[in-house]
Each structure stands twice: as C-alpha cells, then as structure tokens.
Amino acid sequence: MKRGFVVWFTGLPSSGKTAIARELEKMLREGGWRVELLDGDELRKKLDPEVGFSRHDREVHIRRVAYVSKLLARNEVAVLVCLVSPYRDVRDYARKEIGDFIEVWTKCSLETCIQRDPKGLYKKALAGEIKDMTGIQDPYEEPLNPELIVDTERGSPQEAARKVLRKLEELNYIKVRQSGV
C-alpha cells in the first residue's frame, strides 16, 4: 500500500513552483502514483473565488487548501500544492494539519521573478494597479527549515523535480527504481 503525502511548494510569484510540480507530477504518474496538482491560481477560481489577497484572506485560502490536501493524502494520493503561501505561521499550520508534509522552497530572487513575470502581476503591482502583491507591498517570509530548497535561478524544472524526487525517497515516501519512480 502506498502512503499519501503532500509536497508543498512555496516561494515568490513566478519562482517556478508550478513548473517544477508539473515535472514531478509526470515522474510520479510514470511510477504508478495517483497524483493531484493543486495550483494556487486554479484553486482560487474554483475553491475560493470570493477570497481576496489580504493577510486574513490568504490564511483562509491556505487553511482550506491544507484541509483538501490532507483528505487527498490520506487516500494514498501524492498531492503537489503550488501556493505562494507567504506566511510562516500558516505554512506551519498546514504542516501540522496534514502530517505527511514536505516543504519545498522555490528560492528565487525578486529581481528574477520580476523579469519572468508571465502574468504581468509584478508590472501591475509596481504601477500601483495591484495591492498586496507578495514581494512588493506584502512580505514573503522565507521558510526557516524546509525539507528542500530548490534554487530556481539555476537548473531546469526537470532537474529540480528530480531533486524533489530524491528527497521523497530519502524521507521514505517513495521508492525509486532504476527504471523510474
């Protein structure tokens, strides 16, 4: 029987969370895992369309995502959560709520995230069109003890996903065979 778990990707907007999670999702599926990728943008549209971006709203959203993640993980699903989740205390809450939790910090400089900016959010925030943008008007509290730090300014999403895979094996969540996961 496989044991479900949650890989919680946290980092600034445009730091590479979803790109890495998509690669990891492919690898896990190839290894026979049931996988759910919970992306912050999609979750907000479907799960929390009424929730904004104030600190309180973000905490409500993250608590809801943690609960859904816990339900999936206890049903032997590998859950990949991609949320900025900027505050340590609510990430700590998610860790305690879920139990089988691996925090991956997608570390990337604000300057690089601003250069990437695929959705144009930083541009809007710097122009004053968006309020409460993490990294601009709202802080991002870097993790103090994540299970893994992935420097997304160096290497590809595939290389980063392989690092996460190795960490999952090291923590005894998965067994990696020579032919794959």
Protein backbone atom coordinates (compact mmCIF):
# COMPACT_ATOMS: atom_id res chain seq x y z
CA MET A 1 0.00 0.00 0.00
CA LYS A 2 1.29 3.46 -0.91
CA ARG A 3 1.26 6.19 1.70
CA GLY A 4 -0.06 9.55 0.51
CA PHE A 5 1.85 12.74 1.15
CA VAL A 6 1.82 16.45 0.36
CA VAL A 7 4.66 18.33 -1.31
CA TRP A 8 4.03 21.99 -0.51
CA PHE A 9 5.85 24.29 -2.95
CA THR A 10 6.25 27.79 -1.56
CA GLY A 11 8.03 30.81 -3.00
CA LEU A 12 7.54 34.19 -4.58
CA PRO A 13 5.16 34.50 -7.53
CA SER A 14 6.99 33.40 -10.72
CA SER A 15 9.63 31.47 -8.75
CA GLY A 16 8.91 28.20 -10.58
CA LYS A 17 6.60 26.33 -8.21
CA THR A 18 4.13 25.11 -10.82
CA ALA A 19 6.75 24.33 -13.48
CA ILE A 20 8.59 22.04 -11.07
CA ALA A 21 5.38 20.46 -9.78
CA ARG A 22 4.25 19.64 -13.33
CA GLU A 23 7.51 17.82 -13.98
CA LEU A 24 7.27 15.99 -10.66
CA GLU A 25 3.66 15.07 -11.45
CA LYS A 26 4.79 13.35 -14.68
CA MET A 27 7.53 11.44 -12.87
CA LEU A 28 5.22 10.23 -10.11
CA ARG A 29 2.49 9.19 -12.56
CA GLU A 30 5.06 7.18 -14.51
CA GLY A 31 5.81 5.41 -11.22
CA GLY A 32 2.18 4.43 -10.76
CA TRP A 33 1.17 7.11 -8.28
CA ARG A 34 -2.20 8.80 -8.16
CA VAL A 35 -1.28 12.48 -8.21
CA GLU A 36 -3.19 15.71 -7.77
CA LEU A 37 -1.54 19.04 -8.56
CA LEU A 38 -3.26 21.85 -6.67
CA ASP A 39 -2.25 25.13 -8.29
CA GLY A 40 -2.95 28.38 -6.48
CA ASP A 41 -4.44 30.21 -9.46
CA GLU A 42 -6.81 27.36 -10.33
CA LEU A 43 -7.79 26.80 -6.70
CA ARG A 44 -8.69 30.45 -6.23
CA LYS A 45 -11.01 30.33 -9.25
CA LYS A 46 -12.79 27.15 -8.17
CA LEU A 47 -12.42 26.85 -4.40
CA ASP A 48 -12.17 30.45 -3.21
CA PRO A 49 -13.42 32.91 -5.85
CA GLU A 50 -14.67 35.28 -3.14
CA VAL A 51 -11.38 35.40 -1.23
CA GLY A 52 -9.03 38.30 -1.84
CA PHE A 53 -5.35 38.81 -1.06
CA SER A 54 -5.33 40.41 2.40
CA ARG A 55 -3.37 38.51 5.03
CA HIS A 56 -6.61 37.16 6.51
CA ASP A 57 -7.92 36.09 3.10
CA ARG A 58 -4.66 34.34 2.23
CA GLU A 59 -4.70 32.49 5.55
CA VAL A 60 -8.31 31.34 4.98
CA HIS A 61 -7.39 30.12 1.49
CA ILE A 62 -4.29 28.25 2.67
CA ARG A 63 -6.20 26.58 5.52
CA ARG A 64 -8.80 25.35 3.03
CA VAL A 65 -6.14 24.04 0.67
CA ALA A 66 -4.40 22.30 3.59
CA TYR A 67 -7.65 20.53 4.50
CA VAL A 68 -8.31 19.37 0.93
CA SER A 69 -4.68 18.23 0.67
CA LYS A 70 -4.99 16.24 3.88
CA LEU A 71 -8.10 14.47 2.59
CA LEU A 72 -6.37 13.51 -0.65
CA ALA A 73 -3.15 12.37 1.06
CA ARG A 74 -4.97 10.12 3.50
CA ASN A 75 -6.45 8.39 0.44
CA GLU A 76 -3.00 7.45 -0.89
CA VAL A 77 -2.67 10.38 -3.27
CA ALA A 78 0.57 12.26 -3.88
CA VAL A 79 -0.54 15.89 -3.56
CA LEU A 80 1.54 18.68 -5.09
CA VAL A 81 0.49 22.08 -3.75
CA CYS A 82 1.73 25.23 -5.51
CA LEU A 83 0.92 28.27 -3.40
CA VAL A 84 2.93 31.38 -2.64
CA SER A 85 1.81 30.85 1.00
CA PRO A 86 3.88 33.81 2.16
CA TYR A 87 3.48 33.48 5.94
CA ARG A 88 5.41 31.01 8.08
CA ASP A 89 2.66 30.57 10.67
CA VAL A 90 0.07 29.38 8.16
CA ARG A 91 2.60 27.07 6.48
CA ASP A 92 3.30 25.66 9.96
CA TYR A 93 -0.45 25.20 10.37
CA ALA A 94 -0.60 23.28 7.06
CA ARG A 95 2.31 21.08 8.16
CA LYS A 96 0.58 20.20 11.45
CA GLU A 97 -2.83 19.71 9.81
CA ILE A 98 -1.53 17.42 7.07
CA GLY A 99 1.18 15.42 8.82
CA ASP A 100 2.85 13.81 5.78
CA PHE A 101 4.15 17.18 4.57
CA ILE A 102 7.28 18.13 2.66
CA GLU A 103 8.00 21.84 2.30
CA VAL A 104 9.92 22.81 -0.84
CA TRP A 105 11.09 26.40 -1.07
CA THR A 106 11.48 27.52 -4.67
CA LYS A 107 14.13 30.09 -3.88
CA CYS A 108 14.47 32.85 -6.45
CA SER A 109 15.42 36.50 -6.22
CA LEU A 110 12.71 39.11 -6.51
CA GLU A 111 14.59 40.60 -9.46
CA THR A 112 14.45 37.33 -11.40
CA CYS A 113 10.77 36.83 -10.56
CA ILE A 114 10.04 40.35 -11.82
CA GLN A 115 11.93 39.59 -15.05
CA ARG A 116 9.97 36.35 -15.55
CA ASP A 117 6.53 37.80 -14.65
CA PRO A 118 4.49 35.66 -17.12
CA LYS A 119 1.17 37.06 -15.89
CA GLY A 120 2.28 40.69 -15.68
CA LEU A 121 1.44 40.86 -11.97
CA TYR A 122 4.69 42.47 -10.86
CA LYS A 123 4.34 45.11 -13.56
CA LYS A 124 0.83 45.92 -12.32
CA ALA A 125 1.93 45.93 -8.69
CA LEU A 126 4.86 48.23 -9.39
CA ALA A 127 2.48 50.55 -11.24
CA GLY A 128 0.12 50.56 -8.24
CA GLU A 129 -2.64 48.66 -10.07
CA ILE A 130 -2.43 45.69 -7.69
CA LYS A 131 -2.29 45.96 -3.91
CA ASP A 132 -0.96 43.32 -1.50
CA MET A 133 1.40 41.75 -4.06
CA THR A 134 3.80 39.38 -2.33
CA GLY A 135 7.35 40.64 -2.64
CA ILE A 136 6.25 44.20 -3.46
CA GLN A 137 3.67 45.52 -0.96
CA ASP A 138 3.31 42.34 1.10
CA PRO A 139 6.19 40.36 2.65
CA TYR A 140 7.28 36.83 1.83
CA GLU A 141 8.55 35.10 4.96
CA GLU A 142 11.24 32.68 3.83
CA PRO A 143 10.99 29.18 5.29
CA LEU A 144 13.32 28.55 8.21
CA ASN A 145 13.57 24.75 7.92
CA PRO A 146 12.12 23.45 4.66
CA GLU A 147 12.83 19.85 3.76
CA LEU A 148 14.29 21.09 0.48
CA ILE A 149 15.47 24.38 -1.02
CA VAL A 150 15.49 24.49 -4.82
CA ASP A 151 17.36 27.42 -6.35
CA THR A 152 15.24 28.09 -9.43
CA GLU A 153 17.70 30.57 -10.90
CA ARG A 154 19.99 27.63 -11.64
CA GLY A 155 18.93 24.45 -13.40
CA SER A 156 15.79 23.35 -15.17
CA PRO A 157 12.38 22.43 -13.73
CA GLN A 158 13.21 18.79 -14.62
CA GLU A 159 16.41 18.90 -12.56
CA ALA A 160 14.55 20.49 -9.66
CA ALA A 161 11.80 17.83 -9.88
CA ARG A 162 14.47 15.11 -9.72
CA LYS A 163 15.83 16.74 -6.53
CA VAL A 164 12.34 16.64 -5.01
CA LEU A 165 12.00 13.00 -6.07
CA ARG A 166 15.29 12.15 -4.34
CA LYS A 167 14.14 13.96 -1.19
CA LEU A 168 10.87 11.99 -1.23
CA GLU A 169 12.89 8.78 -1.42
CA GLU A 170 15.24 9.92 1.33
CA LEU A 171 12.21 10.60 3.56
CA ASN A 172 10.75 7.17 2.70
CA TYR A 173 7.66 8.43 0.92
CA ILE A 174 8.57 6.70 -2.34
CA LYS A 175 10.94 4.06 -3.64
CA VAL A 176 12.85 4.99 -6.77
CA ARG A 177 13.78 2.11 -9.04
CA GLN A 178 16.48 2.28 -11.67
CA SER A 179 13.83 2.45 -14.41
CA GLY A 180 11.93 5.34 -12.84
CA VAL A 181 9.85 6.02 -9.75
